Amino acid sequence: MKKITTDELLERIEAGEQLNIIDVREADEVAAGIIPGAKHIPLGEVDSRVGEFEKDKPYYLVCRSGARSGRASDFLNEQGVDATNVEGGMLNWNGETTA
């Protein structure tokens, strides 16, 4: 499984990179704050929404601690999607969030 730390992800965002970030937490967790520009696809919907992922683009998956996004990353990689798990998830996120 490919991994990236929250600090590495934040550096790339601050450098102006346009990243495809997918938040796989539940709606009530996302309501408390999401990385600006991230798309919300709850873990339970990833399999039924796999068609929304473009196979020629990399995706960065985040959850609360990194466990759920790790499962989602594994699944997406098996489907031919370039998915990277954000280690430590939102618990380690030091950047801005939006409601």
PDB file of N, CA and C in Angstrom:
ATOM      1  N   MET A   1       0.847  -1.191   0.000  1.00  0.00           N
ATOM      2  CA  MET A   1       0.000   0.000   0.000  1.00  0.00           C
ATOM      3  C   MET A   1       0.883   1.242   0.000  1.00  0.00           C
ATOM      4  N   LYS A   2       0.538   2.179  -0.888  1.00  0.00           N
ATOM      5  CA  LYS A   2       1.258   3.451  -0.906  1.00  0.00           C
ATOM      6  C   LYS A   2       0.741   4.314   0.237  1.00  0.00           C
ATOM      7  N   LYS A   3       1.672   5.042   0.872  1.00  0.00           N
ATOM      8  CA  LYS A   3       1.323   5.887   2.019  1.00  0.00           C
ATOM      9  C   LYS A   3       1.949   7.260   1.866  1.00  0.00           C
ATOM     10  N   ILE A   4       1.304   8.229   2.494  1.00  0.00           N
ATOM     11  CA  ILE A   4       1.834   9.584   2.586  1.00  0.00           C
ATOM     12  C   ILE A   4       1.486  10.090   3.982  1.00  0.00           C
ATOM     13  N   THR A   5       2.367  10.879   4.573  1.00  0.00           N
ATOM     14  CA  THR A   5       2.052  11.442   5.887  1.00  0.00           C
ATOM     15  C   THR A   5       1.176  12.679   5.713  1.00  0.00           C
ATOM     16  N   THR A   6       0.514  13.065   6.787  1.00  0.00           N
ATOM     17  CA  THR A   6      -0.313  14.272   6.723  1.00  0.00           C
ATOM     18  C   THR A   6       0.558  15.496   6.444  1.00  0.00           C
ATOM     19  N   ASP A   7       1.764  15.530   6.996  1.00  0.00           N
ATOM     20  CA  ASP A   7       2.655  16.668   6.758  1.00  0.00           C
ATOM     21  C   ASP A   7       3.082  16.741   5.298  1.00  0.00           C
ATOM     22  N   GLU A   8       3.380  15.575   4.683  1.00  0.00           N
ATOM     23  CA  GLU A   8       3.750  15.562   3.266  1.00  0.00           C
ATOM     24  C   GLU A   8       2.583  16.025   2.399  1.00  0.00           C
ATOM     25  N   LEU A   9       1.376  15.573   2.740  1.00  0.00           N
ATOM     26  CA  LEU A   9       0.191  15.992   1.993  1.00  0.00           C
ATOM     27  C   LEU A   9      -0.021  17.497   2.120  1.00  0.00           C
ATOM     28  N   LEU A  10       0.114  18.012   3.331  1.00  0.00           N
ATOM     29  CA  LEU A  10      -0.057  19.446   3.572  1.00  0.00           C
ATOM     30  C   LEU A  10       0.972  20.254   2.782  1.00  0.00           C
ATOM     31  N   GLU A  11       2.222  19.783   2.750  1.00  0.00           N
ATOM     32  CA  GLU A  11       3.260  20.480   1.980  1.00  0.00           C
ATOM     33  C   GLU A  11       2.886  20.558   0.509  1.00  0.00           C
ATOM     34  N   ARG A  12       2.348  19.474  -0.030  1.00  0.00           N
ATOM     35  CA  ARG A  12       1.969  19.448  -1.445  1.00  0.00           C
ATOM     36  C   ARG A  12       0.798  20.396  -1.703  1.00  0.00           C
ATOM     37  N   ILE A  13      -0.162  20.450  -0.782  1.00  0.00           N
ATOM     38  CA  ILE A  13      -1.292  21.370  -0.921  1.00  0.00           C
ATOM     39  C   ILE A  13      -0.795  22.812  -0.877  1.00  0.00           C
ATOM     40  N   GLU A  14       0.073  23.104   0.108  1.00  0.00           N
ATOM     41  CA  GLU A  14       0.594  24.469   0.270  1.00  0.00           C
ATOM     42  C   GLU A  14       1.456  24.884  -0.911  1.00  0.00           C
ATOM     43  N   ALA A  15       2.040  23.907  -1.624  1.00  0.00           N
ATOM     44  CA  ALA A  15       2.851  24.200  -2.805  1.00  0.00           C
ATOM     45  C   ALA A  15       1.970  24.451  -4.031  1.00  0.00           C
ATOM     46  N   GLY A  16       0.656  24.327  -3.847  1.00  0.00           N
ATOM     47  CA  GLY A  16      -0.270  24.636  -4.922  1.00  0.00           C
ATOM     48  C   GLY A  16      -0.641  23.461  -5.809  1.00  0.00           C
ATOM     49  N   GLU A  17      -0.232  22.256  -5.421  1.00  0.00           N
ATOM     50  CA  GLU A  17      -0.602  21.089  -6.224  1.00  0.00           C
ATOM     51  C   GLU A  17      -2.109  20.851  -6.142  1.00  0.00           C
ATOM     52  N   GLN A  18      -2.694  20.475  -7.259  1.00  0.00           N
ATOM     53  CA  GLN A  18      -4.107  20.129  -7.308  1.00  0.00           C
ATOM     54  C   GLN A  18      -4.219  18.628  -7.063  1.00  0.00           C
ATOM     55  N   LEU A  19      -4.646  18.258  -5.863  1.00  0.00           N
ATOM     56  CA  LEU A  19      -4.693  16.854  -5.467  1.00  0.00           C
ATOM     57  C   LEU A  19      -6.129  16.364  -5.359  1.00  0.00           C
ATOM     58  N   ASN A  20      -6.318  15.094  -5.649  1.00  0.00           N
ATOM     59  CA  ASN A  20      -7.624  14.451  -5.512  1.00  0.00           C
ATOM     60  C   ASN A  20      -7.671  13.771  -4.144  1.00  0.00           C
ATOM     61  N   ILE A  21      -8.249  14.456  -3.171  1.00  0.00           N
ATOM     62  CA  ILE A  21      -8.326  13.932  -1.810  1.00  0.00           C
ATOM     63  C   ILE A  21      -9.744  13.429  -1.575  1.00  0.00           C
ATOM     64  N   ILE A  22      -9.838  12.200  -1.089  1.00  0.00           N
ATOM     65  CA  ILE A  22     -11.126  11.576  -0.806  1.00  0.00           C
ATOM     66  C   ILE A  22     -11.200  11.292   0.681  1.00  0.00           C
ATOM     67  N   ASP A  23     -12.223  11.818   1.342  1.00  0.00           N
ATOM     68  CA  ASP A  23     -12.454  11.592   2.772  1.00  0.00           C
ATOM     69  C   ASP A  23     -13.487  10.482   2.904  1.00  0.00           C
ATOM     70  N   VAL A  24     -13.093   9.354   3.524  1.00  0.00           N
ATOM     71  CA  VAL A  24     -13.981   8.189   3.615  1.00  0.00           C
ATOM     72  C   VAL A  24     -14.683   8.083   4.970  1.00  0.00           C
ATOM     73  N   ARG A  25     -14.622   9.146   5.774  1.00  0.00           N
ATOM     74  CA  ARG A  25     -15.308   9.113   7.075  1.00  0.00           C
ATOM     75  C   ARG A  25     -16.814   9.230   6.891  1.00  0.00           C
ATOM     76  N   GLU A  26     -17.524   9.016   7.981  1.00  0.00           N
ATOM     77  CA  GLU A  26     -18.984   9.148   7.974  1.00  0.00           C
ATOM     78  C   GLU A  26     -19.361  10.634   7.983  1.00  0.00           C
ATOM     79  N   ALA A  27     -20.602  10.922   7.601  1.00  0.00           N
ATOM     80  CA  ALA A  27     -21.074  12.307   7.461  1.00  0.00           C
ATOM     81  C   ALA A  27     -20.914  13.114   8.747  1.00  0.00           C
ATOM     82  N   ASP A  28     -21.201  12.506   9.905  1.00  0.00           N
ATOM     83  CA  ASP A  28     -21.083  13.257  11.160  1.00  0.00           C
ATOM     84  C   ASP A  28     -19.627  13.614  11.458  1.00  0.00           C
ATOM     85  N   GLU A  29     -18.685  12.783  11.052  1.00  0.00           N
ATOM     86  CA  GLU A  29     -17.272  13.095  11.255  1.00  0.00           C
ATOM     87  C   GLU A  29     -16.836  14.228  10.324  1.00  0.00           C
ATOM     88  N   VAL A  30     -17.284  14.167   9.073  1.00  0.00           N
ATOM     89  CA  VAL A  30     -16.936  15.182   8.088  1.00  0.00           C
ATOM     90  C   VAL A  30     -17.519  16.539   8.484  1.00  0.00           C
ATOM     91  N   ALA A  31     -18.680  16.525   9.118  1.00  0.00           N
ATOM     92  CA  ALA A  31     -19.317  17.778   9.543  1.00  0.00           C
ATOM     93  C   ALA A  31     -18.443  18.546  10.526  1.00  0.00           C
ATOM     94  N   ALA A  32     -17.571  17.843  11.242  1.00  0.00           N
ATOM     95  CA  ALA A  32     -16.673  18.492  12.204  1.00  0.00           C
ATOM     96  C   ALA A  32     -15.480  19.140  11.517  1.00  0.00           C
ATOM     97  N   GLY A  33     -15.285  18.856  10.232  1.00  0.00           N
ATOM     98  CA  GLY A  33     -14.200  19.476   9.478  1.00  0.00           C
ATOM     99  C   GLY A  33     -13.614  18.535   8.452  1.00  0.00           C
ATOM    100  N   ILE A  34     -13.364  19.072   7.265  1.00  0.00           N
ATOM    101  CA  ILE A  34     -12.808  18.302   6.150  1.00  0.00           C
ATOM    102  C   ILE A  34     -11.688  19.120   5.524  1.00  0.00           C
ATOM    103  N   ILE A  35     -10.716  18.447   4.931  1.00  0.00           N
ATOM    104  CA  ILE A  35      -9.634  19.147   4.249  1.00  0.00           C
ATOM    105  C   ILE A  35     -10.247  19.929   3.078  1.00  0.00           C
ATOM    106  N   PRO A  36      -9.939  21.220   2.962  1.00  0.00           N
ATOM    107  CA  PRO A  36     -10.517  22.009   1.871  1.00  0.00           C
ATOM    108  C   PRO A  36     -10.257  21.363   0.509  1.00  0.00           C
ATOM    109  N   GLY A  37     -11.308  21.226  -0.282  1.00  0.00           N
ATOM    110  CA  GLY A  37     -11.202  20.636  -1.606  1.00  0.00           C
ATOM    111  C   GLY A  37     -11.375  19.133  -1.647  1.00  0.00           C
ATOM    112  N   ALA A  38     -11.410  18.486  -0.482  1.00  0.00           N
ATOM    113  CA  ALA A  38     -11.592  17.036  -0.453  1.00  0.00           C
ATOM    114  C   ALA A  38     -13.022  16.673  -0.828  1.00  0.00           C
ATOM    115  N   LYS A  39     -13.170  15.499  -1.418  1.00  0.00           N
ATOM    116  CA  LYS A  39     -14.485  14.977  -1.773  1.00  0.00           C
ATOM    117  C   LYS A  39     -14.866  13.928  -0.739  1.00  0.00           C
ATOM    118  N   HIS A  40     -16.116  13.955  -0.299  1.00  0.00           N
ATOM    119  CA  HIS A  40     -16.591  13.002   0.711  1.00  0.00           C
ATOM    120  C   HIS A  40     -17.251  11.801   0.045  1.00  0.00           C
ATOM    121  N   ILE A  41     -16.655  10.625   0.231  1.00  0.00           N
ATOM    122  CA  ILE A  41     -17.255   9.362  -0.193  1.00  0.00           C
ATOM    123  C   ILE A  41     -17.103   8.415   0.990  1.00  0.00           C
ATOM    124  N   PRO A  42     -18.156   8.190   1.780  1.00  0.00           N
ATOM    125  CA  PRO A  42     -18.048   7.307   2.945  1.00  0.00           C
ATOM    126  C   PRO A  42     -17.513   5.929   2.549  1.00  0.00           C
ATOM    127  N   LEU A  43     -16.754   5.304   3.435  1.00  0.00           N
ATOM    128  CA  LEU A  43     -16.150   4.003   3.164  1.00  0.00           C
ATOM    129  C   LEU A  43     -17.166   3.001   2.629  1.00  0.00           C
ATOM    130  N   GLY A  44     -18.359   2.971   3.195  1.00  0.00           N
ATOM    131  CA  GLY A  44     -19.381   2.024   2.783  1.00  0.00           C
ATOM    132  C   GLY A  44     -19.889   2.225   1.358  1.00  0.00           C
ATOM    133  N   GLU A  45     -19.547   3.366   0.754  1.00  0.00           N
ATOM    134  CA  GLU A  45     -19.995   3.658  -0.607  1.00  0.00           C
ATOM    135  C   GLU A  45     -18.880   3.545  -1.645  1.00  0.00           C
ATOM    136  N   VAL A  46     -17.650   3.343  -1.195  1.00  0.00           N
ATOM    137  CA  VAL A  46     -16.522   3.335  -2.126  1.00  0.00           C
ATOM    138  C   VAL A  46     -16.696   2.271  -3.200  1.00  0.00           C
ATOM    139  N   ASP A  47     -17.116   1.056  -2.813  1.00  0.00           N
ATOM    140  CA  ASP A  47     -17.248  -0.009  -3.807  1.00  0.00           C
ATOM    141  C   ASP A  47     -18.316   0.305  -4.854  1.00  0.00           C
ATOM    142  N   SER A  48     -19.431   0.885  -4.441  1.00  0.00           N
ATOM    143  CA  SER A  48     -20.500   1.184  -5.401  1.00  0.00           C
ATOM    144  C   SER A  48     -20.207   2.444  -6.215  1.00  0.00           C
ATOM    145  N   ARG A  49     -19.230   3.245  -5.786  1.00  0.00           N
ATOM    146  CA  ARG A  49     -18.905   4.494  -6.487  1.00  0.00           C
ATOM    147  C   ARG A  49     -17.531   4.446  -7.161  1.00  0.00           C
ATOM    148  N   VAL A  50     -16.969   3.235  -7.271  1.00  0.00           N
ATOM    149  CA  VAL A  50     -15.634   3.098  -7.852  1.00  0.00           C
ATOM    150  C   VAL A  50     -15.558   3.679  -9.259  1.00  0.00           C
ATOM    151  N   GLY A  51     -16.676   3.720  -9.971  1.00  0.00           N
ATOM    152  CA  GLY A  51     -16.705   4.296 -11.311  1.00  0.00           C
ATOM    153  C   GLY A  51     -16.426   5.790 -11.341  1.00  0.00           C
ATOM    154  N   GLU A  52     -16.514   6.457 -10.187  1.00  0.00           N
ATOM    155  CA  GLU A  52     -16.235   7.895 -10.114  1.00  0.00           C
ATOM    156  C   GLU A  52     -14.733   8.187 -10.089  1.00  0.00           C
ATOM    157  N   PHE A  53     -13.925   7.140  -9.878  1.00  0.00           N
ATOM    158  CA  PHE A  53     -12.472   7.305  -9.811  1.00  0.00           C
ATOM    159  C   PHE A  53     -11.873   7.113 -11.201  1.00  0.00           C
ATOM    160  N   GLU A  54     -11.116   8.106 -11.658  1.00  0.00           N
ATOM    161  CA  GLU A  54     -10.464   8.017 -12.960  1.00  0.00           C
ATOM    162  C   GLU A  54      -9.140   7.277 -12.792  1.00  0.00           C
ATOM    163  N   LYS A  55      -8.929   6.272 -13.626  1.00  0.00           N
ATOM    164  CA  LYS A  55      -7.751   5.411 -13.457  1.00  0.00           C
ATOM    165  C   LYS A  55      -6.443   6.093 -13.823  1.00  0.00           C
ATOM    166  N   ASP A  56      -6.496   7.242 -14.470  1.00  0.00           N
ATOM    167  CA  ASP A  56      -5.259   7.939 -14.837  1.00  0.00           C
ATOM    168  C   ASP A  56      -4.910   9.068 -13.867  1.00  0.00           C
ATOM    169  N   LYS A  57      -5.618   9.138 -12.735  1.00  0.00           N
ATOM    170  CA  LYS A  57      -5.356  10.175 -11.740  1.00  0.00           C
ATOM    171  C   LYS A  57      -5.031   9.538 -10.390  1.00  0.00           C
ATOM    172  N   PRO A  58      -4.103  10.128  -9.635  1.00  0.00           N
ATOM    173  CA  PRO A  58      -3.827   9.620  -8.294  1.00  0.00           C
ATOM    174  C   PRO A  58      -4.827  10.194  -7.278  1.00  0.00           C
ATOM    175  N   TYR A  59      -5.155   9.386  -6.294  1.00  0.00           N
ATOM    176  CA  TYR A  59      -6.075   9.792  -5.232  1.00  0.00           C
ATOM    177  C   TYR A  59      -5.411   9.590  -3.878  1.00  0.00           C
ATOM    178  N   TYR A  60      -5.756  10.472  -2.935  1.00  0.00           N
ATOM    179  CA  TYR A  60      -5.240  10.412  -1.576  1.00  0.00           C
ATOM    180  C   TYR A  60      -6.430  10.223  -0.652  1.00  0.00           C
ATOM    181  N   LEU A  61      -6.445   9.103   0.076  1.00  0.00           N
ATOM    182  CA  LEU A  61      -7.597   8.770   0.907  1.00  0.00           C
ATOM    183  C   LEU A  61      -7.305   9.027   2.374  1.00  0.00           C
ATOM    184  N   VAL A  62      -8.261   9.684   3.035  1.00  0.00           N
ATOM    185  CA  VAL A  62      -8.097  10.060   4.431  1.00  0.00           C
ATOM    186  C   VAL A  62      -9.334   9.652   5.226  1.00  0.00           C
ATOM    187  N   CYS A  63      -9.108   9.290   6.490  1.00  0.00           N
ATOM    188  CA  CYS A  63     -10.204   9.031   7.431  1.00  0.00           C
ATOM    189  C   CYS A  63      -9.781   9.625   8.772  1.00  0.00           C
ATOM    190  N   ARG A  64     -10.300   9.112   9.858  1.00  0.00           N
ATOM    191  CA  ARG A  64      -9.957   9.661  11.168  1.00  0.00           C
ATOM    192  C   ARG A  64      -8.519   9.317  11.547  1.00  0.00           C
ATOM    193  N   SER A  65      -8.144   8.024  11.420  1.00  0.00           N
ATOM    194  CA  SER A  65      -6.827   7.597  11.896  1.00  0.00           C
ATOM    195  C   SER A  65      -5.963   6.919  10.838  1.00  0.00           C
ATOM    196  N   GLY A  66      -6.545   6.562   9.706  1.00  0.00           N
ATOM    197  CA  GLY A  66      -5.790   5.896   8.651  1.00  0.00           C
ATOM    198  C   GLY A  66      -6.193   4.459   8.401  1.00  0.00           C
ATOM    199  N   ALA A  67      -7.010   3.870   9.271  1.00  0.00           N
ATOM    200  CA  ALA A  67      -7.402   2.468   9.101  1.00  0.00           C
ATOM    201  C   ALA A  67      -8.432   2.296   7.979  1.00  0.00           C
ATOM    202  N   ARG A  68      -9.510   3.061   8.030  1.00  0.00           N
ATOM    203  CA  ARG A  68     -10.546   2.946   6.993  1.00  0.00           C
ATOM    204  C   ARG A  68     -10.019   3.374   5.631  1.00  0.00           C
ATOM    205  N   SER A  69      -9.245   4.442   5.607  1.00  0.00           N
ATOM    206  CA  SER A  69      -8.691   4.887   4.322  1.00  0.00           C
ATOM    207  C   SER A  69      -7.694   3.861   3.785  1.00  0.00           C
ATOM    208  N   GLY A  70      -7.040   3.130   4.674  1.00  0.00           N
ATOM    209  CA  GLY A  70      -6.147   2.056   4.241  1.00  0.00           C
ATOM    210  C   GLY A  70      -6.922   0.947   3.545  1.00  0.00           C
ATOM    211  N   ARG A  71      -8.066   0.566   4.112  1.00  0.00           N
ATOM    212  CA  ARG A  71      -8.911  -0.459   3.484  1.00  0.00           C
ATOM    213  C   ARG A  71      -9.424   0.036   2.134  1.00  0.00           C
ATOM    214  N   ALA A  72      -9.851   1.295   2.086  1.00  0.00           N
ATOM    215  CA  ALA A  72     -10.350   1.868   0.834  1.00  0.00           C
ATOM    216  C   ALA A  72      -9.232   1.930  -0.210  1.00  0.00           C
ATOM    217  N   SER A  73      -8.027   2.302   0.201  1.00  0.00           N
ATOM    218  CA  SER A  73      -6.886   2.362  -0.719  1.00  0.00           C
ATOM    219  C   SER A  73      -6.583   0.984  -1.295  1.00  0.00           C
ATOM    220  N   ASP A  74      -6.562  -0.033  -0.429  1.00  0.00           N
ATOM    221  CA  ASP A  74      -6.321  -1.405  -0.894  1.00  0.00           C
ATOM    222  C   ASP A  74      -7.362  -1.805  -1.933  1.00  0.00           C
ATOM    223  N   PHE A  75      -8.629  -1.556  -1.626  1.00  0.00           N
ATOM    224  CA  PHE A  75      -9.711  -1.915  -2.547  1.00  0.00           C
ATOM    225  C   PHE A  75      -9.541  -1.204  -3.886  1.00  0.00           C
ATOM    226  N   LEU A  76      -9.307   0.110  -3.847  1.00  0.00           N
ATOM    227  CA  LEU A  76      -9.186   0.876  -5.080  1.00  0.00           C
ATOM    228  C   LEU A  76      -7.977   0.430  -5.901  1.00  0.00           C
ATOM    229  N   ASN A  77      -6.862   0.141  -5.227  1.00  0.00           N
ATOM    230  CA  ASN A  77      -5.687  -0.354  -5.944  1.00  0.00           C
ATOM    231  C   ASN A  77      -6.014  -1.665  -6.661  1.00  0.00           C
ATOM    232  N   GLU A  78      -6.795  -2.535  -6.022  1.00  0.00           N
ATOM    233  CA  GLU A  78      -7.206  -3.796  -6.644  1.00  0.00           C
ATOM    234  C   GLU A  78      -8.068  -3.538  -7.885  1.00  0.00           C
ATOM    235  N   GLN A  79      -8.755  -2.400  -7.916  1.00  0.00           N
ATOM    236  CA  GLN A  79      -9.606  -2.040  -9.055  1.00  0.00           C
ATOM    237  C   GLN A  79      -8.841  -1.279 -10.129  1.00  0.00           C
ATOM    238  N   GLY A  80      -7.532  -1.112  -9.935  1.00  0.00           N
ATOM    239  CA  GLY A  80      -6.717  -0.410 -10.918  1.00  0.00           C
ATOM    240  C   GLY A  80      -6.632   1.086 -10.719  1.00  0.00           C
ATOM    241  N   VAL A  81      -7.087   1.573  -9.556  1.00  0.00           N
ATOM    242  CA  VAL A  81      -7.040   3.001  -9.234  1.00  0.00           C
ATOM    243  C   VAL A  81      -5.768   3.288  -8.445  1.00  0.00           C
ATOM    244  N   ASP A  82      -5.093   4.389  -8.769  1.00  0.00           N
ATOM    245  CA  ASP A  82      -3.878   4.813  -8.073  1.00  0.00           C
ATOM    246  C   ASP A  82      -4.291   5.518  -6.773  1.00  0.00           C
ATOM    247  N   ALA A  83      -4.331   4.752  -5.676  1.00  0.00           N
ATOM    248  CA  ALA A  83      -4.792   5.281  -4.388  1.00  0.00           C
ATOM    249  C   ALA A  83      -3.682   5.211  -3.347  1.00  0.00           C
ATOM    250  N   THR A  84      -3.528   6.302  -2.592  1.00  0.00           N
ATOM    251  CA  THR A  84      -2.514   6.406  -1.545  1.00  0.00           C
ATOM    252  C   THR A  84      -3.213   6.698  -0.226  1.00  0.00           C
ATOM    253  N   ASN A  85      -2.817   5.971   0.819  1.00  0.00           N
ATOM    254  CA  ASN A  85      -3.397   6.166   2.150  1.00  0.00           C
ATOM    255  C   ASN A  85      -2.689   7.306   2.878  1.00  0.00           C
ATOM    256  N   VAL A  86      -3.465   8.186   3.502  1.00  0.00           N
ATOM    257  CA  VAL A  86      -2.916   9.273   4.312  1.00  0.00           C
ATOM    258  C   VAL A  86      -2.759   8.742   5.736  1.00  0.00           C
ATOM    259  N   GLU A  87      -1.507   8.472   6.123  1.00  0.00           N
ATOM    260  CA  GLU A  87      -1.220   7.884   7.424  1.00  0.00           C
ATOM    261  C   GLU A  87      -1.607   8.820   8.570  1.00  0.00           C
ATOM    262  N   GLY A  88      -2.247   8.267   9.572  1.00  0.00           N
ATOM    263  CA  GLY A  88      -2.606   9.045  10.758  1.00  0.00           C
ATOM    264  C   GLY A  88      -3.910   9.804  10.615  1.00  0.00           C
ATOM    265  N   GLY A  89      -4.384   9.968   9.389  1.00  0.00           N
ATOM    266  CA  GLY A  89      -5.678  10.595   9.137  1.00  0.00           C
ATOM    267  C   GLY A  89      -5.847  11.965   9.758  1.00  0.00           C
ATOM    268  N   MET A  90      -7.088  12.304   9.985  1.00  0.00           N
ATOM    269  CA  MET A  90      -7.424  13.634  10.495  1.00  0.00           C
ATOM    270  C   MET A  90      -6.918  13.862  11.922  1.00  0.00           C
ATOM    271  N   LEU A  91      -6.635  12.795  12.645  1.00  0.00           N
ATOM    272  CA  LEU A  91      -6.063  12.963  13.988  1.00  0.00           C
ATOM    273  C   LEU A  91      -4.694  13.635  13.923  1.00  0.00           C
ATOM    274  N   ASN A  92      -3.971  13.431  12.815  1.00  0.00           N
ATOM    275  CA  ASN A  92      -2.640  14.019  12.653  1.00  0.00           C
ATOM    276  C   ASN A  92      -2.632  15.255  11.759  1.00  0.00           C
ATOM    277  N   TRP A  93      -3.796  15.650  11.244  1.00  0.00           N
ATOM    278  CA  TRP A  93      -3.870  16.767  10.298  1.00  0.00           C
ATOM    279  C   TRP A  93      -3.632  18.087  11.003  1.00  0.00           C
ATOM    280  N   ASN A  94      -2.652  18.864  10.505  1.00  0.00           N
ATOM    281  CA  ASN A  94      -2.331  20.159  11.093  1.00  0.00           C
ATOM    282  C   ASN A  94      -2.732  21.330  10.203  1.00  0.00           C
ATOM    283  N   GLY A  95      -3.346  21.023   9.075  1.00  0.00           N
ATOM    284  CA  GLY A  95      -3.755  22.077   8.158  1.00  0.00           C
ATOM    285  C   GLY A  95      -5.159  22.565   8.453  1.00  0.00           C
ATOM    286  N   GLU A  96      -5.638  23.436   7.564  1.00  0.00           N
ATOM    287  CA  GLU A  96      -6.980  24.000   7.713  1.00  0.00           C
ATOM    288  C   GLU A  96      -8.037  22.938   7.425  1.00  0.00           C
ATOM    289  N   THR A  97      -9.205  23.165   7.972  1.00  0.00           N
ATOM    290  CA  THR A  97     -10.370  22.350   7.634  1.00  0.00           C
ATOM    291  C   THR A  97     -11.540  23.283   7.380  1.00  0.00           C
ATOM    292  N   THR A  98     -12.510  22.775   6.638  1.00  0.00           N
ATOM    293  CA  THR A  98     -13.741  23.526   6.418  1.00  0.00           C
ATOM    294  C   THR A  98     -14.904  22.669   6.887  1.00  0.00           C
ATOM    295  N   ALA A  99     -15.980  23.317   7.246  1.00  0.00           N
ATOM    296  CA  ALA A  99     -17.147  22.581   7.741  1.00  0.00           C
ATOM    297  C   ALA A  99     -17.970  22.070   6.585  1.00  0.00           C
TER     298      ALA A  99
END
